[in-house]
Amino acid sequence: MGASGSGKTSMRSMIFSNNPASLTSRLGATIDVEQNHVRFLGDLILNLWDCGGQDAFMDSYLSTQRSVIFSHVGVMIYVFDVESREMEKDLEYYRDCLDGLSQFSKDANVFLLVHKIDLVRDTERNAVVQRKVAELEKASGETPVKVFGTSIYDESLYKAWSNIVNTLIPNARNLSKHLRIFAEACSATEVILFERTTFLVIATSSRTDSSDAFPSGPVVLHALDPKRYERTSELIKAFKQSCSRLREEFRSLEMELAEFTAVLDEMTKNTYVLVVVHDPVIETAAIKMNICMARKKFEELQGDSLISEK
């Protein structure tokens, strides 16, 4: 949901249709409601409703189509243009949408995206986003919301959508639990599980939070970038698109650098796993062997989840 021109269709085309940001300008305005059934993690079906933001459509959603639009909703994503000149009207429609959710889908999660933050100067961006977060949380009243600043030109979009889809994965906690066990078996500093098509982050395991985080010996680590997950998603997806343009299939990636070793490989038919190891003694062959041995278990964990969300 969100006003016309706020960027809803562009972000959907990037995340779920793998379109690059450079092509989003060709997309036309959404007319009424576009429904898309997206297969995520193989058995998880996401029923995405992209609702046109023109005033006539918004009025229709909130009146004659109210019960249809707001029934059986798992997640509502409301997009605000960071430079909107009609913020009061945007907030009025947003509050009406919250009323619709409270009437028909009380348990729905609500995510608010302050979009197009690339239009704000770098020096002012954090302050602008924080002001918007405070404004939107106040407008939400007692409804719990999660607010993200997003842009189609950087990793922020992947961070927001990874958080969104994570709420729809029935066994997300179980996946995270077993990913930690797998990380310990690999003596990995960090392990990240990605969905195969979108390369959104499903689960992570980082040993930097524990007292025995690193192996004994002369291993020196730098502080980890808090945006590393989303940047990795963005970079790998761009690399996959480059491979496609060359009519080559992306399968795996191995890096052996002075400070760490990283292996990106298929974990299941619907996921990829990135394993990062700082211990110089551990070779890529050992990491790949552990991934191979873990595949059957992760296929089982992923196997029995079939859910449809709107």
Protein backbone atom coordinates (compact mmCIF):
# COMPACT_ATOMS: atom_id res chain seq x y z
CA MET A 1 0.00 0.00 0.00
CA GLY A 2 1.04 3.60 -0.46
CA ALA A 3 0.54 6.68 -2.60
CA SER A 4 0.89 6.60 -6.36
CA GLY A 5 4.52 6.97 -7.42
CA SER A 6 5.94 6.00 -4.03
CA GLY A 7 7.89 3.11 -5.58
CA LYS A 8 5.88 0.01 -4.63
CA THR A 9 5.98 -1.68 -8.04
CA SER A 10 9.65 -0.85 -8.62
CA MET A 11 10.80 -2.55 -5.43
CA ARG A 12 8.60 -5.58 -6.11
CA SER A 13 10.06 -5.96 -9.60
CA MET A 14 13.60 -5.79 -8.23
CA ILE A 15 13.11 -8.27 -5.41
CA PHE A 16 10.83 -10.85 -7.01
CA SER A 17 11.36 -10.38 -10.78
CA ASN A 18 15.12 -9.78 -10.60
CA ASN A 19 14.91 -6.56 -12.60
CA PRO A 20 17.84 -4.15 -12.15
CA ALA A 21 17.19 -0.68 -10.75
CA SER A 22 18.05 0.86 -14.13
CA LEU A 23 14.94 -0.68 -15.71
CA THR A 24 12.38 0.33 -13.09
CA SER A 25 11.74 3.68 -14.80
CA ARG A 26 9.99 1.76 -17.59
CA LEU A 27 7.33 0.44 -15.25
CA GLY A 28 3.92 2.05 -15.49
CA ALA A 29 1.57 2.97 -12.66
CA THR A 30 -0.34 0.09 -11.07
CA ILE A 31 -4.03 0.08 -11.99
CA ASP A 32 -6.28 -1.07 -9.14
CA VAL A 33 -4.78 -4.30 -7.68
CA GLU A 34 -2.13 -6.55 -9.23
CA GLN A 35 -1.97 -10.01 -7.67
CA ASN A 36 1.18 -12.12 -7.93
CA HIS A 37 1.73 -15.60 -6.55
CA VAL A 38 5.44 -15.89 -5.82
CA ARG A 39 7.08 -19.19 -4.91
CA PHE A 40 9.56 -18.61 -2.10
CA LEU A 41 11.73 -21.36 -0.65
CA GLY A 42 10.03 -23.81 -2.98
CA ASP A 43 6.96 -24.61 -0.86
CA LEU A 44 6.18 -21.17 0.57
CA ILE A 45 3.67 -19.33 -1.60
CA LEU A 46 3.54 -15.57 -1.16
CA ASN A 47 0.34 -14.00 -2.45
CA LEU A 48 1.46 -10.41 -3.15
CA TRP A 49 -1.14 -7.71 -3.68
CA ASP A 50 0.30 -4.56 -5.26
CA CYS A 51 -2.38 -1.91 -4.72
CA GLY A 52 -2.44 1.15 -6.99
CA GLY A 53 -2.06 4.33 -4.97
CA GLN A 54 -4.22 6.77 -6.92
CA ASP A 55 -6.85 8.47 -4.75
CA ALA A 56 -9.77 6.77 -6.50
CA PHE A 57 -8.30 3.32 -5.86
CA MET A 58 -7.41 4.10 -2.25
CA ASP A 59 -10.94 5.30 -1.58
CA SER A 60 -12.27 2.09 -3.12
CA TYR A 61 -9.97 -0.11 -0.99
CA LEU A 62 -11.18 1.62 2.15
CA SER A 63 -14.90 1.45 1.30
CA THR A 64 -16.42 -1.00 -1.19
CA GLN A 65 -13.40 -3.37 -1.32
CA ARG A 66 -12.53 -3.08 2.36
CA SER A 67 -13.35 -6.66 3.38
CA VAL A 68 -11.58 -8.11 0.32
CA ILE A 69 -8.39 -6.08 0.66
CA PHE A 70 -7.91 -6.44 4.41
CA SER A 71 -9.03 -10.03 5.04
CA HIS A 72 -6.47 -12.82 5.65
CA VAL A 73 -3.51 -10.43 5.55
CA GLY A 74 -0.20 -11.76 6.88
CA VAL A 75 1.82 -8.60 6.31
CA MET A 76 0.93 -5.07 5.27
CA ILE A 77 3.75 -3.04 3.73
CA TYR A 78 2.97 0.66 3.50
CA VAL A 79 5.37 2.74 1.41
CA PHE A 80 5.93 6.44 2.06
CA ASP A 81 7.84 8.65 -0.38
CA VAL A 82 10.49 10.39 1.72
CA GLU A 83 9.88 13.63 -0.23
CA SER A 84 6.08 13.46 -0.25
CA ARG A 85 4.42 16.87 -0.25
CA GLU A 86 1.11 15.38 0.87
CA MET A 87 2.22 13.64 4.04
CA GLU A 88 -0.97 14.49 5.94
CA LYS A 89 -3.08 12.79 3.28
CA ASP A 90 -0.67 9.84 3.20
CA LEU A 91 -1.00 9.45 6.97
CA GLU A 92 -4.78 9.68 6.78
CA TYR A 93 -4.92 6.82 4.27
CA TYR A 94 -2.41 4.88 6.36
CA ARG A 95 -4.51 5.21 9.53
CA ASP A 96 -7.57 4.05 7.57
CA CYS A 97 -5.58 1.00 6.45
CA LEU A 98 -4.68 0.25 10.07
CA ASP A 99 -8.40 0.42 10.91
CA GLY A 100 -9.08 -2.08 8.12
CA LEU A 101 -6.44 -4.43 9.49
CA SER A 102 -7.78 -4.16 13.04
CA GLN A 103 -11.22 -5.11 11.71
CA PHE A 104 -10.29 -8.03 9.45
CA SER A 105 -6.68 -9.11 10.17
CA LYS A 106 -5.73 -8.24 13.73
CA ASP A 107 -2.60 -10.39 13.77
CA ALA A 108 -1.04 -8.92 10.61
CA ASN A 109 2.50 -7.59 10.83
CA VAL A 110 2.97 -3.99 9.68
CA PHE A 111 6.10 -2.73 7.93
CA LEU A 112 6.57 0.90 6.92
CA LEU A 113 9.12 1.79 4.25
CA VAL A 114 10.39 5.35 3.98
CA HIS A 115 11.35 5.00 0.34
CA LYS A 116 13.60 6.87 -2.12
CA ILE A 117 16.07 7.92 0.58
CA ASP A 118 18.69 8.20 -2.17
CA LEU A 119 17.07 11.56 -2.99
CA VAL A 120 18.20 12.92 0.38
CA ARG A 121 21.75 14.21 0.79
CA ASP A 122 24.09 11.74 2.46
CA THR A 123 24.86 14.17 5.28
CA GLU A 124 21.17 14.60 6.08
CA ARG A 125 19.87 11.10 5.38
CA ASN A 126 20.07 9.55 8.85
CA ALA A 127 18.44 12.55 10.50
CA VAL A 128 15.63 12.64 7.93
CA VAL A 129 14.93 8.92 8.31
CA GLN A 130 14.91 9.17 12.12
CA ARG A 131 12.39 12.02 11.96
CA LYS A 132 10.18 9.94 9.65
CA VAL A 133 10.47 6.92 11.96
CA ALA A 134 9.32 9.00 14.94
CA GLU A 135 6.47 10.51 12.92
CA LEU A 136 5.23 7.14 11.65
CA GLU A 137 5.49 5.41 15.02
CA LYS A 138 3.42 8.22 16.53
CA ALA A 139 0.84 7.95 13.74
CA SER A 140 0.62 4.18 14.30
CA GLY A 141 -0.65 4.59 17.85
CA GLU A 142 -0.63 1.28 19.70
CA THR A 143 -0.05 -0.79 16.56
CA PRO A 144 3.48 -2.31 16.61
CA VAL A 145 5.33 -1.40 13.42
CA LYS A 146 8.81 -1.78 11.95
CA VAL A 147 10.13 1.16 9.92
CA PHE A 148 12.95 1.02 7.36
CA GLY A 149 14.53 3.64 5.15
CA THR A 150 14.89 2.15 1.66
CA SER A 151 16.24 2.84 -1.81
CA ILE A 152 16.36 0.71 -4.94
CA TYR A 153 19.96 1.86 -5.45
CA ASP A 154 21.58 0.31 -2.36
CA GLU A 155 21.38 -2.59 0.07
CA SER A 156 18.67 -1.00 2.26
CA LEU A 157 15.91 -2.55 0.15
CA TYR A 158 17.27 -6.07 0.79
CA LYS A 159 17.47 -5.42 4.53
CA ALA A 160 13.82 -4.38 4.69
CA TRP A 161 12.51 -7.24 2.55
CA SER A 162 14.63 -9.85 4.34
CA ASN A 163 12.95 -8.77 7.58
CA ILE A 164 9.53 -8.86 5.92
CA VAL A 165 9.75 -12.36 4.44
CA ASN A 166 11.32 -13.71 7.62
CA THR A 167 8.00 -13.13 9.42
CA LEU A 168 6.31 -15.40 6.85
CA ILE A 169 8.65 -18.38 7.15
CA PRO A 170 6.93 -20.85 9.54
CA ASN A 171 10.13 -22.57 10.68
CA ALA A 172 12.51 -19.59 10.67
CA ARG A 173 13.63 -20.17 14.27
CA ASN A 174 14.33 -23.83 13.62
CA LEU A 175 16.39 -22.94 10.55
CA SER A 176 18.41 -20.45 12.61
CA LYS A 177 18.99 -23.03 15.33
CA HIS A 178 20.37 -25.62 12.92
CA LEU A 179 22.39 -22.99 11.09
CA ARG A 180 24.21 -22.26 14.36
CA ILE A 181 24.98 -25.97 14.75
CA PHE A 182 26.26 -26.06 11.17
CA ALA A 183 28.44 -22.96 11.80
CA GLU A 184 30.04 -24.64 14.82
CA ALA A 185 30.75 -27.76 12.77
CA CYS A 186 32.52 -25.63 10.17
CA SER A 187 34.37 -23.52 12.77
CA ALA A 188 32.90 -20.61 10.81
CA THR A 189 32.97 -17.00 11.89
CA GLU A 190 29.72 -16.43 10.06
CA VAL A 191 27.14 -18.34 8.05
CA ILE A 192 24.34 -16.76 5.99
CA LEU A 193 21.43 -18.65 4.40
CA PHE A 194 19.89 -17.02 1.30
CA GLU A 195 16.74 -17.77 -0.66
CA ARG A 196 17.85 -18.95 -4.08
CA THR A 197 15.82 -16.68 -6.40
CA THR A 198 15.64 -13.39 -4.50
CA PHE A 199 18.85 -13.82 -2.47
CA LEU A 200 17.05 -12.39 0.53
CA VAL A 201 18.55 -13.39 3.87
CA ILE A 202 16.61 -16.18 5.57
CA ALA A 203 18.81 -16.91 8.56
CA THR A 204 22.26 -16.04 9.92
CA SER A 205 24.71 -17.32 12.48
CA SER A 206 27.54 -15.13 13.73
CA ARG A 207 30.07 -16.32 16.30
CA THR A 208 31.12 -12.76 17.12
CA ASP A 209 28.53 -12.63 19.88
CA SER A 210 29.99 -15.51 21.90
CA SER A 211 32.98 -15.58 24.20
CA ASP A 212 34.64 -18.37 22.23
CA ALA A 213 33.94 -16.61 18.97
CA PHE A 214 37.30 -17.18 17.33
CA PRO A 215 39.84 -19.96 17.29
CA SER A 216 42.96 -19.63 19.40
CA GLY A 217 46.03 -18.52 17.50
CA PRO A 218 47.24 -15.51 15.55
CA VAL A 219 43.93 -14.63 13.90
CA VAL A 220 43.17 -10.89 13.82
CA LEU A 221 39.67 -9.76 12.81
CA HIS A 222 38.30 -6.37 11.93
CA ALA A 223 34.92 -5.10 13.10
CA LEU A 224 32.16 -6.54 10.92
CA ASP A 225 30.09 -4.15 8.83
CA PRO A 226 26.49 -4.09 10.15
CA LYS A 227 25.26 -3.84 6.53
CA ARG A 228 27.23 -6.86 5.35
CA TYR A 229 24.22 -9.19 4.89
CA GLU A 230 22.27 -6.81 2.68
CA ARG A 231 25.34 -5.76 0.71
CA THR A 232 26.17 -9.40 0.08
CA SER A 233 22.62 -10.00 -1.20
CA GLU A 234 22.88 -7.01 -3.52
CA LEU A 235 26.33 -7.92 -4.86
CA ILE A 236 25.58 -11.59 -5.48
CA LYS A 237 22.31 -10.81 -7.20
CA ALA A 238 24.08 -8.29 -9.46
CA PHE A 239 26.74 -10.92 -10.22
CA LYS A 240 24.04 -13.47 -11.08
CA GLN A 241 22.45 -10.98 -13.47
CA SER A 242 25.84 -10.42 -15.12
CA CYS A 243 26.21 -14.19 -15.56
CA SER A 244 22.74 -14.35 -17.14
CA ARG A 245 23.59 -11.62 -19.64
CA LEU A 246 26.62 -13.69 -20.67
CA ARG A 247 24.39 -16.78 -20.87
CA GLU A 248 26.33 -18.41 -18.08
CA GLU A 249 24.77 -20.14 -15.07
CA PHE A 250 25.81 -19.07 -11.58
CA ARG A 251 26.56 -22.08 -9.39
CA SER A 252 29.05 -21.31 -6.64
CA LEU A 253 31.78 -18.94 -5.52
CA GLU A 254 35.01 -19.47 -3.60
CA MET A 255 37.36 -16.81 -2.21
CA GLU A 256 40.64 -17.39 -0.43
CA LEU A 257 42.00 -14.09 0.87
CA ALA A 258 44.70 -13.16 3.36
CA GLU A 259 42.22 -12.48 6.17
CA PHE A 260 39.46 -15.00 5.51
CA THR A 261 38.08 -17.76 3.30
CA ALA A 262 34.52 -17.63 1.95
CA VAL A 263 32.48 -20.28 0.15
CA LEU A 264 29.08 -19.63 -1.42
CA ASP A 265 27.37 -22.82 -2.53
CA GLU A 266 23.97 -24.42 -2.93
CA MET A 267 22.61 -25.69 0.39
CA THR A 268 19.26 -26.99 -0.88
CA LYS A 269 17.44 -26.72 -4.19
CA ASN A 270 15.91 -23.46 -2.93
CA THR A 271 18.73 -21.93 -0.87
CA TYR A 272 22.35 -20.87 -1.00
CA VAL A 273 24.69 -20.71 1.97
CA LEU A 274 27.68 -18.42 2.49
CA VAL A 275 30.30 -19.70 4.93
CA VAL A 276 33.01 -17.31 6.15
CA VAL A 277 36.02 -18.74 8.00
CA HIS A 278 38.94 -16.79 9.47
CA ASP A 279 41.00 -19.79 10.57
CA PRO A 280 43.73 -20.14 7.87
CA VAL A 281 44.09 -23.86 8.59
CA ILE A 282 40.58 -24.66 7.27
CA GLU A 283 40.52 -25.24 3.51
CA THR A 284 37.68 -24.63 1.06
CA ALA A 285 37.41 -28.37 0.35
CA ALA A 286 36.55 -28.99 4.02
CA ILE A 287 33.91 -26.26 3.98
CA LYS A 288 32.33 -27.66 0.81
CA MET A 289 32.31 -31.14 2.32
CA ASN A 290 30.44 -29.85 5.38
CA ILE A 291 27.90 -28.13 3.14
CA CYS A 292 27.40 -31.37 1.21
CA MET A 293 26.87 -33.33 4.44
CA ALA A 294 24.36 -30.77 5.76
CA ARG A 295 22.19 -30.66 2.64
CA LYS A 296 19.92 -33.57 3.54
CA LYS A 297 19.11 -32.11 6.97
CA PHE A 298 18.32 -28.67 5.59
CA GLU A 299 16.15 -30.18 2.85
CA GLU A 300 14.14 -31.88 5.60
CA LEU A 301 13.86 -28.66 7.62
CA GLN A 302 12.60 -26.77 4.60
CA GLY A 303 10.41 -29.55 3.25
CA ASP A 304 7.07 -29.40 5.00
CA SER A 305 6.20 -25.69 5.01
CA LEU A 306 3.36 -24.70 2.70
CA ILE A 307 1.68 -21.41 3.54
CA SER A 308 -0.16 -18.75 1.57
CA GLU A 309 0.09 -15.15 2.71
CA LYS A 310 -1.23 -11.90 1.35
